[in-house]
N, C-alpha and C. Protein backbone atom coordinates (compact mmCIF):
# COMPACT_ATOMS: atom_id res chain seq x y z
N MET A 1 -5.27 -2.25 7.48
CA MET A 1 -5.17 -1.98 6.12
C MET A 1 -6.14 -3.04 5.49
N ASN A 2 -6.89 -2.62 4.64
CA ASN A 2 -7.73 -3.48 3.87
C ASN A 2 -7.14 -4.02 2.96
N VAL A 3 -7.87 -4.72 1.92
CA VAL A 3 -7.52 -5.54 0.46
C VAL A 3 -7.21 -4.51 -0.16
N LYS A 4 -8.06 -3.42 -0.48
CA LYS A 4 -7.96 -2.57 -1.51
C LYS A 4 -6.32 -1.69 -1.55
N CYS A 5 -6.24 -1.67 0.00
CA CYS A 5 -4.90 -0.52 0.12
C CYS A 5 -3.75 -1.64 -0.08
N LEU A 6 -3.99 -2.84 0.26
CA LEU A 6 -2.77 -3.80 -0.15
C LEU A 6 -2.48 -4.01 -1.36
N HIS A 7 -3.86 -3.99 -2.23
CA HIS A 7 -3.73 -3.93 -3.88
C HIS A 7 -3.06 -2.92 -4.33
N LEU A 8 -3.57 -1.60 -3.80
CA LEU A 8 -2.72 -0.33 -4.34
C LEU A 8 -1.16 -0.48 -4.18
N LEU A 9 -0.78 -0.93 -2.67
CA LEU A 9 0.76 -0.60 -2.60
C LEU A 9 1.46 -1.79 -3.35
N LEU A 10 0.55 -2.99 -3.50
CA LEU A 10 1.72 -4.10 -4.27
C LEU A 10 1.74 -3.62 -5.74
N CYS A 11 0.53 -3.21 -6.23
CA CYS A 11 0.55 -2.77 -7.86
C CYS A 11 1.54 -1.48 -7.98
N GLY A 12 1.66 -0.62 -6.92
CA GLY A 12 2.77 0.48 -7.41
C GLY A 12 4.24 -0.18 -7.17
N MET A 13 4.57 -1.15 -6.55
CA MET A 13 5.59 -1.63 -6.35
C MET A 13 6.01 -2.77 -7.29
N LEU A 14 5.05 -3.36 -7.87
CA LEU A 14 5.19 -4.09 -9.05
C LEU A 14 5.46 -3.45 -10.39
N SER A 15 4.71 -2.26 -10.28
CA SER A 15 4.77 -1.32 -11.57
C SER A 15 6.34 -0.46 -11.59
N VAL A 16 7.10 -0.39 -10.70
CA VAL A 16 8.36 0.07 -10.65
C VAL A 16 9.18 -0.97 -10.92
N GLY A 17 9.38 -2.12 -10.00
CA GLY A 17 9.94 -3.68 -10.17
C GLY A 17 11.31 -3.44 -10.82
N PHE A 18 11.63 -4.55 -11.55
CA PHE A 18 12.37 -4.50 -12.39
C PHE A 18 12.12 -4.07 -13.73
N MET A 19 10.97 -3.53 -14.18
CA MET A 19 10.79 -2.80 -15.38
C MET A 19 11.18 -3.73 -16.50
N GLY A 20 11.28 -4.74 -16.26
CA GLY A 20 11.56 -5.74 -17.63
C GLY A 20 13.21 -5.47 -18.01
N CYS A 21 13.94 -5.00 -17.13
CA CYS A 21 15.46 -4.72 -17.70
C CYS A 21 16.20 -5.70 -17.53
N ASP A 22 16.63 -6.54 -18.64
CA ASP A 22 17.54 -7.79 -18.39
C ASP A 22 18.98 -7.29 -18.64
N ALA A 23 19.95 -7.49 -17.98
CA ALA A 23 21.26 -7.06 -18.49
C ALA A 23 21.95 -7.69 -19.32
N PRO A 24 22.94 -7.26 -20.09
CA PRO A 24 23.65 -8.01 -21.11
C PRO A 24 24.57 -8.84 -20.40
N PRO A 25 24.87 -9.99 -21.00
CA PRO A 25 25.74 -11.05 -20.39
C PRO A 25 27.07 -10.79 -19.98
N ASN A 26 27.54 -9.87 -20.63
CA ASN A 26 28.92 -8.96 -19.99
C ASN A 26 28.88 -8.12 -19.01
N ALA A 27 27.68 -7.87 -18.41
CA ALA A 27 27.69 -6.94 -17.48
C ALA A 27 28.42 -7.11 -16.29
N GLN A 28 28.89 -6.27 -15.69
CA GLN A 28 29.85 -6.38 -14.63
C GLN A 28 29.30 -6.35 -13.09
N LYS A 29 29.59 -7.29 -11.88
CA LYS A 29 28.90 -6.80 -10.70
C LYS A 29 30.15 -6.41 -10.02
N ARG A 30 29.37 -5.72 -8.88
CA ARG A 30 30.41 -5.06 -7.95
C ARG A 30 30.98 -6.00 -7.06
N ALA A 31 32.27 -5.45 -6.47
CA ALA A 31 32.87 -6.40 -5.43
C ALA A 31 31.67 -6.10 -4.06
N ALA A 32 31.62 -6.77 -3.15
CA ALA A 32 30.79 -6.64 -2.06
C ALA A 32 31.34 -7.01 -0.61
N GLU A 33 31.14 -6.17 0.30
CA GLU A 33 31.66 -6.24 1.60
C GLU A 33 30.81 -7.07 2.24
N THR A 34 31.33 -8.12 3.12
CA THR A 34 30.42 -9.02 4.05
C THR A 34 30.09 -7.98 5.50
N LEU A 35 28.67 -8.13 5.85
CA LEU A 35 28.04 -7.36 6.79
C LEU A 35 27.50 -8.52 7.70
N VAL A 36 27.78 -8.03 9.20
CA VAL A 36 27.14 -8.93 10.36
C VAL A 36 26.18 -8.18 10.84
N PHE A 37 25.14 -8.58 10.97
CA PHE A 37 24.05 -7.76 11.68
C PHE A 37 23.80 -8.39 13.09
N ASN A 38 23.73 -7.66 13.99
CA ASN A 38 23.40 -7.84 15.78
C ASN A 38 22.09 -8.00 15.64
N VAL A 39 21.64 -9.16 15.99
CA VAL A 39 20.12 -9.72 15.96
C VAL A 39 19.76 -9.55 17.32
N ASP A 40 18.65 -8.59 17.60
CA ASP A 40 17.95 -8.39 18.95
C ASP A 40 16.79 -9.33 19.26
N ALA A 41 16.79 -10.81 19.01
CA ALA A 41 15.52 -11.30 19.17
C ALA A 41 14.48 -10.72 20.02
N THR A 42 14.49 -10.21 20.89
CA THR A 42 13.26 -9.37 21.49
C THR A 42 12.66 -8.46 20.46
N ARG A 43 13.02 -8.13 19.67
CA ARG A 43 12.54 -7.20 18.75
C ARG A 43 11.82 -7.93 17.60
N LEU A 44 11.69 -9.26 17.55
CA LEU A 44 11.10 -9.87 16.26
C LEU A 44 10.14 -10.64 16.79
N GLU A 45 9.10 -11.10 15.61
CA GLU A 45 8.41 -12.24 15.74
C GLU A 45 8.91 -13.47 15.65
N PRO A 46 8.37 -14.42 15.90
CA PRO A 46 8.85 -15.92 15.57
C PRO A 46 9.22 -15.94 14.07
N ALA A 47 10.09 -16.91 13.64
CA ALA A 47 10.43 -17.05 12.55
C ALA A 47 9.83 -17.80 11.67
N ILE A 48 9.80 -17.59 10.55
CA ILE A 48 8.82 -18.26 9.50
C ILE A 48 9.80 -19.09 8.73
N THR A 49 9.30 -20.37 7.73
CA THR A 49 10.12 -21.03 7.10
C THR A 49 9.53 -20.95 5.64
N ASP A 50 10.18 -20.51 4.66
CA ASP A 50 9.53 -20.71 3.13
C ASP A 50 10.33 -21.58 2.41
N THR A 51 9.42 -22.89 2.32
CA THR A 51 10.09 -24.22 1.88
C THR A 51 10.46 -23.78 0.30
N MET A 52 9.80 -23.13 -0.64
CA MET A 52 9.94 -22.88 -1.97
C MET A 52 11.20 -22.00 -2.02
N LEU A 53 11.13 -20.88 -1.21
CA LEU A 53 12.33 -20.01 -1.38
C LEU A 53 13.68 -20.79 -0.76
N ASN A 54 13.40 -21.82 0.21
CA ASN A 54 14.43 -22.10 1.12
C ASN A 54 14.97 -21.37 1.88
N ILE A 55 14.31 -20.41 2.91
CA ILE A 55 14.66 -19.66 3.54
C ILE A 55 13.87 -19.42 5.06
N THR A 56 14.41 -19.09 6.03
CA THR A 56 13.90 -18.85 7.14
C THR A 56 13.98 -17.09 7.65
N MET A 57 13.04 -16.60 8.11
CA MET A 57 13.39 -15.16 8.38
C MET A 57 12.37 -14.84 9.36
N ALA A 58 12.57 -13.77 10.38
CA ALA A 58 11.55 -13.09 11.29
C ALA A 58 11.23 -11.80 10.92
N ALA A 59 9.83 -11.25 11.12
CA ALA A 59 9.63 -10.04 10.94
C ALA A 59 9.71 -9.22 12.32
N PRO A 60 9.71 -7.95 12.04
CA PRO A 60 9.94 -7.00 13.38
C PRO A 60 8.62 -7.50 14.16
N LYS A 61 8.89 -6.98 15.35
CA LYS A 61 7.95 -7.26 16.49
C LYS A 61 6.81 -6.45 16.23
N GLU A 62 5.78 -7.28 16.21
CA GLU A 62 4.07 -6.65 16.10
C GLU A 62 3.76 -6.43 14.67
N TRP A 63 5.01 -6.95 13.66
CA TRP A 63 4.38 -6.76 12.26
C TRP A 63 3.66 -8.35 12.19
N LYS A 64 2.79 -8.55 12.21
CA LYS A 64 1.96 -9.74 11.71
C LYS A 64 1.66 -10.35 10.57
N LYS A 65 1.67 -11.52 10.25
CA LYS A 65 1.65 -12.11 9.06
C LYS A 65 0.06 -11.97 8.91
N ILE A 66 0.08 -11.40 7.43
CA ILE A 66 -1.67 -11.40 7.06
C ILE A 66 -2.27 -12.97 6.97
N ASP A 67 -3.56 -12.96 6.95
CA ASP A 67 -4.19 -14.11 6.87
C ASP A 67 -3.99 -14.64 5.24
N ASP A 68 -3.59 -15.80 5.13
CA ASP A 68 -3.67 -16.51 3.63
C ASP A 68 -4.87 -16.04 2.82
N ALA A 69 -5.97 -16.05 3.13
CA ALA A 69 -7.11 -15.76 2.65
C ALA A 69 -6.91 -14.39 2.00
N VAL A 70 -6.40 -13.34 2.83
CA VAL A 70 -6.39 -11.94 2.63
C VAL A 70 -5.22 -11.85 1.45
N LEU A 71 -4.29 -12.63 1.69
CA LEU A 71 -3.14 -12.74 0.59
C LEU A 71 -3.35 -13.08 -0.81
N ALA A 72 -4.38 -14.12 -0.77
CA ALA A 72 -5.02 -14.82 -1.97
C ALA A 72 -5.93 -13.75 -2.52
N GLN A 73 -6.67 -12.70 -1.93
CA GLN A 73 -7.38 -11.99 -2.58
C GLN A 73 -6.71 -10.87 -3.28
N VAL A 74 -5.67 -10.50 -2.67
CA VAL A 74 -4.78 -9.53 -2.92
C VAL A 74 -3.87 -10.10 -4.28
N MET A 75 -3.40 -11.17 -4.28
CA MET A 75 -2.89 -12.01 -5.42
C MET A 75 -3.72 -11.91 -6.48
N GLU A 76 -4.95 -12.42 -6.53
CA GLU A 76 -5.94 -12.53 -7.46
C GLU A 76 -5.99 -10.97 -8.40
N GLN A 77 -6.10 -10.07 -7.32
CA GLN A 77 -6.11 -8.76 -8.23
C GLN A 77 -4.94 -8.21 -8.50
N VAL A 78 -3.69 -8.59 -8.12
CA VAL A 78 -2.37 -8.03 -9.00
C VAL A 78 -2.11 -9.23 -10.09
N ALA A 79 -2.76 -10.39 -10.25
CA ALA A 79 -2.31 -11.26 -10.95
C ALA A 79 -2.14 -10.90 -12.59
N PRO A 80 -3.23 -10.12 -13.11
CA PRO A 80 -3.16 -9.73 -14.48
C PRO A 80 -1.75 -8.74 -14.63
N ARG A 81 -1.12 -8.20 -13.70
CA ARG A 81 -0.14 -7.31 -13.75
C ARG A 81 1.05 -8.25 -13.85
N LEU A 82 1.09 -9.36 -13.16
CA LEU A 82 2.27 -10.36 -13.01
C LEU A 82 2.40 -11.31 -14.57
N GLU A 83 0.69 -11.36 -15.32
CA GLU A 83 0.88 -12.07 -16.65
C GLU A 83 1.59 -11.10 -17.55
N GLN A 84 1.70 -9.60 -17.28
CA GLN A 84 2.09 -8.95 -18.09
C GLN A 84 3.59 -8.79 -18.14
N GLY A 85 4.08 -9.34 -17.40
CA GLY A 85 5.76 -9.60 -17.38
C GLY A 85 6.27 -8.99 -16.23
N PHE A 86 5.64 -8.61 -15.21
CA PHE A 86 6.19 -8.07 -13.97
C PHE A 86 6.71 -9.50 -13.06
N LYS A 87 7.80 -9.20 -12.37
CA LYS A 87 8.48 -10.39 -12.02
C LYS A 87 8.54 -10.89 -10.56
N LEU A 88 7.76 -10.17 -9.76
CA LEU A 88 7.62 -10.06 -8.15
C LEU A 88 6.35 -10.95 -8.02
N VAL A 89 6.57 -12.11 -7.08
CA VAL A 89 5.24 -12.91 -6.93
C VAL A 89 5.40 -12.68 -5.40
N PRO A 90 4.23 -11.87 -4.65
CA PRO A 90 4.66 -11.91 -3.21
C PRO A 90 3.93 -13.16 -2.47
N ARG A 91 4.69 -13.43 -1.49
CA ARG A 91 4.89 -14.92 -0.95
C ARG A 91 4.23 -14.70 0.80
N TRP A 92 4.93 -13.56 1.15
CA TRP A 92 4.25 -13.21 2.71
C TRP A 92 4.28 -11.83 2.57
N ILE A 93 3.37 -11.33 3.41
CA ILE A 93 3.05 -10.28 3.84
C ILE A 93 2.68 -9.76 5.46
N PHE A 94 3.87 -8.98 5.88
CA PHE A 94 3.66 -8.71 7.45
C PHE A 94 3.10 -7.24 7.77
N MET A 95 2.44 -7.15 8.54
CA MET A 95 2.08 -5.76 8.95
C MET A 95 1.87 -5.28 10.29
N ASN A 96 2.29 -4.25 10.64
CA ASN A 96 1.91 -3.70 11.97
C ASN A 96 0.75 -2.76 11.76
N VAL A 97 -0.34 -3.08 12.42
CA VAL A 97 -1.60 -2.59 12.02
C VAL A 97 -1.77 -1.32 12.61
N ARG A 98 -0.84 -0.77 13.72
CA ARG A 98 -1.06 0.61 14.42
C ARG A 98 -0.15 1.39 13.51
N SER A 99 1.31 1.01 13.10
CA SER A 99 1.72 2.39 12.56
C SER A 99 1.51 2.00 10.90
N ARG A 100 1.22 0.93 10.55
CA ARG A 100 0.93 0.76 8.92
C ARG A 100 2.11 0.12 8.26
N ALA A 101 3.34 -0.25 9.06
CA ALA A 101 4.50 -0.57 8.35
C ALA A 101 4.46 -1.91 7.97
N MET A 102 4.99 -2.35 6.86
CA MET A 102 4.67 -3.57 6.18
C MET A 102 6.21 -4.10 5.77
N CYS A 103 6.03 -5.42 5.65
CA CYS A 103 7.38 -6.25 5.33
C CYS A 103 6.65 -7.04 4.03
N ILE A 104 7.12 -7.25 2.80
CA ILE A 104 6.68 -8.07 1.93
C ILE A 104 7.57 -8.80 1.23
N VAL A 105 7.24 -10.13 1.35
CA VAL A 105 8.48 -11.11 0.94
C VAL A 105 7.95 -11.69 -0.40
N SER A 106 8.89 -11.58 -1.44
CA SER A 106 8.54 -12.07 -2.95
C SER A 106 9.51 -12.85 -3.40
N GLN A 107 9.00 -13.67 -4.38
CA GLN A 107 9.86 -14.48 -5.38
C GLN A 107 10.07 -13.50 -6.44
N VAL A 108 11.39 -13.65 -6.95
CA VAL A 108 11.64 -13.19 -8.29
C VAL A 108 11.48 -14.04 -9.38
N ASN A 109 10.25 -14.05 -10.21
CA ASN A 109 9.78 -15.12 -10.74
C ASN A 109 10.59 -15.03 -12.15
N SER A 110 11.39 -14.92 -12.48
CA SER A 110 12.11 -15.09 -13.68
C SER A 110 13.26 -15.64 -13.84
N VAL A 111 13.60 -16.40 -14.82
CA VAL A 111 15.00 -17.52 -14.82
C VAL A 111 16.06 -16.29 -15.73
N GLU A 112 15.30 -15.17 -16.28
CA GLU A 112 16.04 -14.11 -17.06
C GLU A 112 16.76 -13.13 -16.33
N ILE A 113 16.61 -12.97 -14.77
CA ILE A 113 17.20 -11.96 -14.13
C ILE A 113 18.56 -12.08 -14.09
N ALA A 114 19.64 -11.34 -14.16
CA ALA A 114 20.89 -10.83 -13.88
C ALA A 114 21.22 -9.97 -12.95
N LEU A 115 21.36 -10.30 -11.86
CA LEU A 115 21.66 -9.28 -10.84
C LEU A 115 23.16 -8.58 -10.95
N ASP A 116 23.11 -7.44 -11.85
CA ASP A 116 24.23 -7.07 -11.84
C ASP A 116 24.17 -5.50 -12.05
N ASP A 117 25.14 -4.28 -11.91
CA ASP A 117 25.12 -3.10 -12.30
C ASP A 117 24.23 -2.59 -13.03
N THR A 118 24.04 -3.13 -14.39
CA THR A 118 23.02 -2.34 -15.14
C THR A 118 21.70 -2.48 -15.01
N LEU A 119 21.18 -3.71 -14.36
CA LEU A 119 19.76 -4.02 -14.01
C LEU A 119 19.55 -3.10 -12.79
N LEU A 120 20.52 -3.03 -11.81
CA LEU A 120 20.35 -2.29 -10.73
C LEU A 120 20.43 -0.83 -10.92
N GLU A 121 21.12 -0.19 -11.80
CA GLU A 121 21.03 0.92 -12.08
C GLU A 121 19.58 1.64 -12.77
N ALA A 122 19.32 0.59 -13.49
CA ALA A 122 18.15 0.90 -14.34
C ALA A 122 16.74 0.87 -12.94
N GLN A 123 16.91 0.16 -12.44
CA GLN A 123 15.82 0.14 -11.12
C GLN A 123 15.90 1.26 -10.23
N GLU A 124 17.27 1.71 -9.90
CA GLU A 124 17.41 3.03 -8.97
C GLU A 124 16.85 3.76 -10.09
N ASN A 125 17.18 4.30 -11.06
CA ASN A 125 16.61 5.17 -12.03
C ASN A 125 15.06 5.10 -12.23
N ALA A 126 14.64 3.83 -12.13
CA ALA A 126 13.18 3.96 -12.05
C ALA A 126 12.51 4.39 -10.94
N TYR A 127 13.17 4.12 -9.66
CA TYR A 127 12.62 4.79 -8.39
C TYR A 127 12.86 6.30 -8.17
N ARG A 128 13.85 6.59 -8.79
CA ARG A 128 14.11 8.49 -8.83
C ARG A 128 12.98 8.81 -9.96
N ASP A 129 12.74 8.41 -10.73
CA ASP A 129 11.69 8.90 -11.56
C ASP A 129 10.19 8.62 -11.18
N ALA A 130 10.13 7.76 -10.27
CA ALA A 130 8.59 7.40 -9.44
C ALA A 130 8.43 8.32 -8.51
N PHE A 131 9.42 8.85 -7.70
CA PHE A 131 9.70 9.59 -6.53
C PHE A 131 10.64 10.65 -6.52
N PRO A 132 10.34 11.63 -7.23
CA PRO A 132 11.38 12.65 -7.60
C PRO A 132 11.71 13.61 -6.34
N GLU A 133 10.62 13.40 -5.23
CA GLU A 133 11.35 14.01 -4.04
C GLU A 133 12.12 13.21 -3.31
N ALA A 134 12.29 11.88 -3.35
CA ALA A 134 12.69 11.11 -2.33
C ALA A 134 14.61 11.21 -2.57
N THR A 135 15.15 10.62 -1.46
CA THR A 135 16.48 10.54 -1.85
C THR A 135 16.39 8.73 -2.05
N VAL A 136 17.26 8.44 -3.14
CA VAL A 136 17.63 7.04 -3.42
C VAL A 136 19.05 6.71 -3.52
N ARG A 137 19.20 5.70 -2.63
CA ARG A 137 20.60 4.96 -2.78
C ARG A 137 20.67 3.54 -2.83
N ARG A 138 21.62 3.11 -3.36
CA ARG A 138 21.74 1.52 -3.59
C ARG A 138 23.07 1.24 -2.93
N ALA A 139 23.24 -0.38 -2.58
CA ALA A 139 24.58 -0.78 -2.23
C ALA A 139 24.39 -2.07 -2.33
N THR A 140 25.62 -2.75 -2.53
CA THR A 140 25.61 -4.50 -2.44
C THR A 140 26.43 -4.78 -1.49
N PHE A 141 25.87 -5.83 -0.60
CA PHE A 141 26.77 -6.42 0.46
C PHE A 141 26.47 -8.09 0.37
N ARG A 142 27.34 -8.55 1.26
CA ARG A 142 26.99 -9.92 1.53
C ARG A 142 26.63 -10.28 3.07
N LYS A 143 25.99 -11.30 3.14
CA LYS A 143 25.56 -11.75 4.66
C LYS A 143 25.22 -13.25 4.38
N ASP A 144 26.26 -14.09 5.38
CA ASP A 144 26.40 -15.36 5.02
C ASP A 144 26.26 -15.77 3.84
N ALA A 145 25.37 -16.76 3.19
CA ALA A 145 25.72 -17.12 1.99
C ALA A 145 24.97 -16.08 0.87
N PHE A 146 24.39 -15.09 1.13
CA PHE A 146 23.52 -14.27 0.62
C PHE A 146 24.55 -13.37 -0.02
N ARG A 147 24.17 -12.94 -1.34
CA ARG A 147 24.60 -11.57 -1.94
C ARG A 147 23.51 -10.66 -2.03
N ILE A 148 23.21 -9.46 -1.75
CA ILE A 148 22.05 -8.71 -1.42
C ILE A 148 22.17 -7.40 -1.76
N HIS A 149 21.55 -7.08 -2.56
CA HIS A 149 21.42 -5.80 -3.37
C HIS A 149 20.30 -5.08 -2.74
N GLN A 150 20.78 -3.70 -2.01
CA GLN A 150 19.70 -3.01 -1.34
C GLN A 150 19.53 -1.78 -1.92
N LEU A 151 18.23 -1.37 -2.34
CA LEU A 151 17.69 0.11 -2.70
C LEU A 151 17.00 0.84 -1.49
N MET A 152 17.40 1.97 -1.08
CA MET A 152 16.82 2.57 -0.37
C MET A 152 15.97 3.75 -0.68
N VAL A 153 14.93 3.78 -0.35
CA VAL A 153 14.23 5.27 -1.10
C VAL A 153 13.46 5.93 0.21
N SER A 154 13.88 7.04 0.53
CA SER A 154 13.54 7.91 1.82
C SER A 154 12.77 8.94 1.04
N ALA A 155 11.21 8.90 1.30
CA ALA A 155 10.72 10.06 0.78
C ALA A 155 9.97 10.78 1.76
N PRO A 156 9.53 11.93 1.39
CA PRO A 156 8.84 12.78 2.71
C PRO A 156 8.12 11.89 3.74
N ASP A 157 7.12 11.23 3.15
CA ASP A 157 6.34 10.33 4.16
C ASP A 157 6.60 8.82 4.47
N VAL A 158 7.39 8.36 3.76
CA VAL A 158 7.86 6.70 3.73
C VAL A 158 9.13 6.35 3.55
N VAL A 159 9.60 5.37 3.95
CA VAL A 159 10.75 4.93 3.79
C VAL A 159 10.72 3.41 3.20
N LEU A 160 11.32 3.16 1.98
CA LEU A 160 11.34 2.04 1.55
C LEU A 160 12.61 1.29 1.51
N ILE A 161 12.94 0.12 2.17
CA ILE A 161 14.29 -0.93 2.00
C ILE A 161 13.94 -1.83 1.06
N LYS A 162 14.40 -2.00 0.13
CA LYS A 162 14.53 -3.23 -0.87
C LYS A 162 15.60 -4.12 -0.94
N LEU A 163 15.36 -5.10 -0.73
CA LEU A 163 16.67 -6.37 -0.75
C LEU A 163 16.36 -7.25 -1.78
N ILE A 164 17.12 -7.19 -2.65
CA ILE A 164 17.14 -8.55 -3.57
C ILE A 164 18.22 -9.71 -3.29
N CYS A 165 17.80 -10.61 -2.69
CA CYS A 165 18.62 -11.64 -2.20
C CYS A 165 18.93 -12.87 -3.09
N ASP A 166 20.23 -13.14 -3.17
CA ASP A 166 20.41 -14.30 -4.13
C ASP A 166 21.42 -15.27 -3.32
N ALA A 167 20.98 -16.55 -3.28
CA ALA A 167 22.43 -17.33 -2.79
C ALA A 167 22.36 -18.64 -3.70
N PRO A 168 23.14 -19.72 -3.48
CA PRO A 168 23.21 -20.77 -4.48
C PRO A 168 22.22 -21.58 -4.33
N GLU A 169 21.71 -21.86 -2.67
CA GLU A 169 20.77 -22.48 -2.42
C GLU A 169 19.62 -22.27 -2.35
N THR A 170 19.25 -20.89 -2.58
CA THR A 170 17.97 -20.45 -2.88
C THR A 170 17.35 -19.88 -4.00
N LEU A 171 16.25 -19.70 -3.98
CA LEU A 171 15.46 -18.98 -5.36
C LEU A 171 15.81 -17.57 -5.11
N ILE A 172 16.07 -16.89 -6.18
CA ILE A 172 16.00 -15.14 -5.69
C ILE A 172 15.11 -14.82 -5.40
N PHE A 173 15.08 -13.89 -4.31
CA PHE A 173 13.96 -13.36 -3.59
C PHE A 173 14.25 -11.88 -3.15
N GLU A 174 12.84 -11.29 -3.02
CA GLU A 174 13.06 -10.04 -2.65
C GLU A 174 12.39 -9.65 -1.03
N VAL A 175 13.01 -8.63 -0.32
CA VAL A 175 12.26 -8.49 0.91
C VAL A 175 11.83 -6.90 1.10
N ASP A 176 10.90 -6.34 1.01
CA ASP A 176 10.68 -4.91 1.14
C ASP A 176 9.98 -4.71 2.30
N TYR A 177 10.72 -3.47 2.98
CA TYR A 177 10.38 -2.82 4.28
C TYR A 177 9.67 -1.55 3.96
N VAL A 178 8.22 -1.48 4.08
CA VAL A 178 7.73 -0.24 3.71
C VAL A 178 7.31 0.41 4.96
N VAL A 179 7.86 1.73 5.49
CA VAL A 179 7.86 2.16 6.74
C VAL A 179 7.48 3.55 6.76
N PRO A 180 6.22 3.97 7.45
CA PRO A 180 6.00 5.38 7.38
C PRO A 180 6.96 6.38 8.04
N LYS A 181 7.65 7.43 7.76
CA LYS A 181 8.59 8.32 8.28
C LYS A 181 8.69 8.45 9.67
N ALA A 182 7.14 8.61 10.21
CA ALA A 182 7.21 8.88 11.35
C ALA A 182 7.69 7.96 12.21
N VAL A 183 7.65 6.56 11.76
CA VAL A 183 7.87 5.51 12.84
C VAL A 183 9.28 4.99 12.48
N TYR A 184 10.13 5.36 11.41
CA TYR A 184 11.09 4.88 10.70
C TYR A 184 11.91 4.63 12.13
N ALA A 185 12.60 5.60 12.79
CA ALA A 185 13.80 5.63 13.84
C ALA A 185 13.40 4.65 14.74
N ALA A 186 12.18 4.56 15.19
CA ALA A 186 11.98 3.76 16.15
C ALA A 186 11.81 2.43 15.99
N GLU A 187 11.61 1.93 14.62
CA GLU A 187 11.68 0.68 13.98
C GLU A 187 12.84 0.30 13.56
N LEU A 188 13.86 1.16 13.33
CA LEU A 188 15.12 0.75 12.58
C LEU A 188 15.71 -0.57 13.06
N ARG A 189 16.08 -0.47 14.58
CA ARG A 189 16.75 -1.50 15.06
C ARG A 189 15.89 -2.86 15.03
N ALA A 190 14.52 -2.87 14.98
CA ALA A 190 13.93 -4.21 14.69
C ALA A 190 14.09 -4.60 13.09
N ILE A 191 14.15 -3.39 12.28
CA ILE A 191 14.36 -3.98 10.72
C ILE A 191 15.48 -4.66 10.58
N GLU A 192 16.70 -3.79 11.29
CA GLU A 192 18.13 -4.52 11.15
C GLU A 192 17.97 -5.95 11.78
N SER A 193 17.50 -6.25 12.87
CA SER A 193 17.48 -7.29 13.44
C SER A 193 16.86 -8.60 12.25
N SER A 194 15.44 -7.94 11.88
CA SER A 194 14.76 -8.75 10.71
C SER A 194 15.47 -9.20 9.67
N ILE A 195 16.43 -8.15 9.05
CA ILE A 195 17.49 -8.57 7.83
C ILE A 195 18.23 -9.55 8.33
N GLY A 196 18.98 -9.21 9.78
CA GLY A 196 19.91 -10.14 10.06
C GLY A 196 19.49 -11.66 10.24
N SER A 197 17.83 -11.84 10.32
CA SER A 197 17.36 -13.32 10.72
C SER A 197 17.14 -13.83 9.61
N ILE A 198 17.43 -13.47 8.51
CA ILE A 198 17.32 -14.02 6.93
C ILE A 198 18.42 -15.11 6.97
N HIS A 199 17.99 -16.27 6.74
CA HIS A 199 19.30 -17.46 6.31
C HIS A 199 18.74 -18.60 5.50
N VAL A 200 19.51 -19.46 4.88
CA VAL A 200 19.27 -20.42 4.19
C VAL A 200 18.76 -21.54 5.16
N ARG A 201 17.50 -22.15 4.92
CA ARG A 201 16.93 -22.97 5.94
C ARG A 201 17.87 -24.02 6.39
N THR A 202 18.18 -24.54 7.38
CA THR A 202 19.14 -25.51 7.81
C THR A 202 18.46 -27.06 7.56
N ASP A 203 17.23 -27.15 7.48
CA ASP A 203 16.40 -28.49 7.40
C ASP A 203 16.09 -28.88 6.11
N SER A 204 16.40 -28.19 5.20
CA SER A 204 16.26 -28.55 3.62
C SER A 204 16.85 -29.70 3.15
N PRO A 205 16.10 -30.59 2.54
CA PRO A 205 16.65 -31.91 2.08
C PRO A 205 18.08 -31.99 1.36
């Protein structure tokens, strides 16, 4: 996948994104159950550390991190959208060249975000409008120190799993798995392991 394709994909994600919807201060949060993920390390790449987000995580096997130079080119092209108020700033992009599956890790670049039902419902509705043929579901759960809001979009050709993650020790960040429908079943166990690999980094000062 070349820089142009990455640019188009990221612009599409940023355009739906949070849509600038900030929830009122009295909005309610849902109770969230705790989930435990069984991580199969054989299905994962080596873990990476993001000192800014204060996390470690591993991408699914064969999903390789794109070169920093390519990421810089993509960021240069999407920068005008970020300056217009879009709140996602990509930090890492992993890609399986063969299947075109991708994982994008982004910082949620706004101190105004309140992760509650009002905001999440607005985002869910935005995806329903953007992908009218897709099934859109959302859920909230806890994993270790994280409260994670999941939005799953299942379209005829692609599945998007969007995880908005928040913990006291980290910046708010988002992990997006974008998977062609044809390979989703084969990749699902690796994606679950990748989600399970997300941790607050233990070597932080």
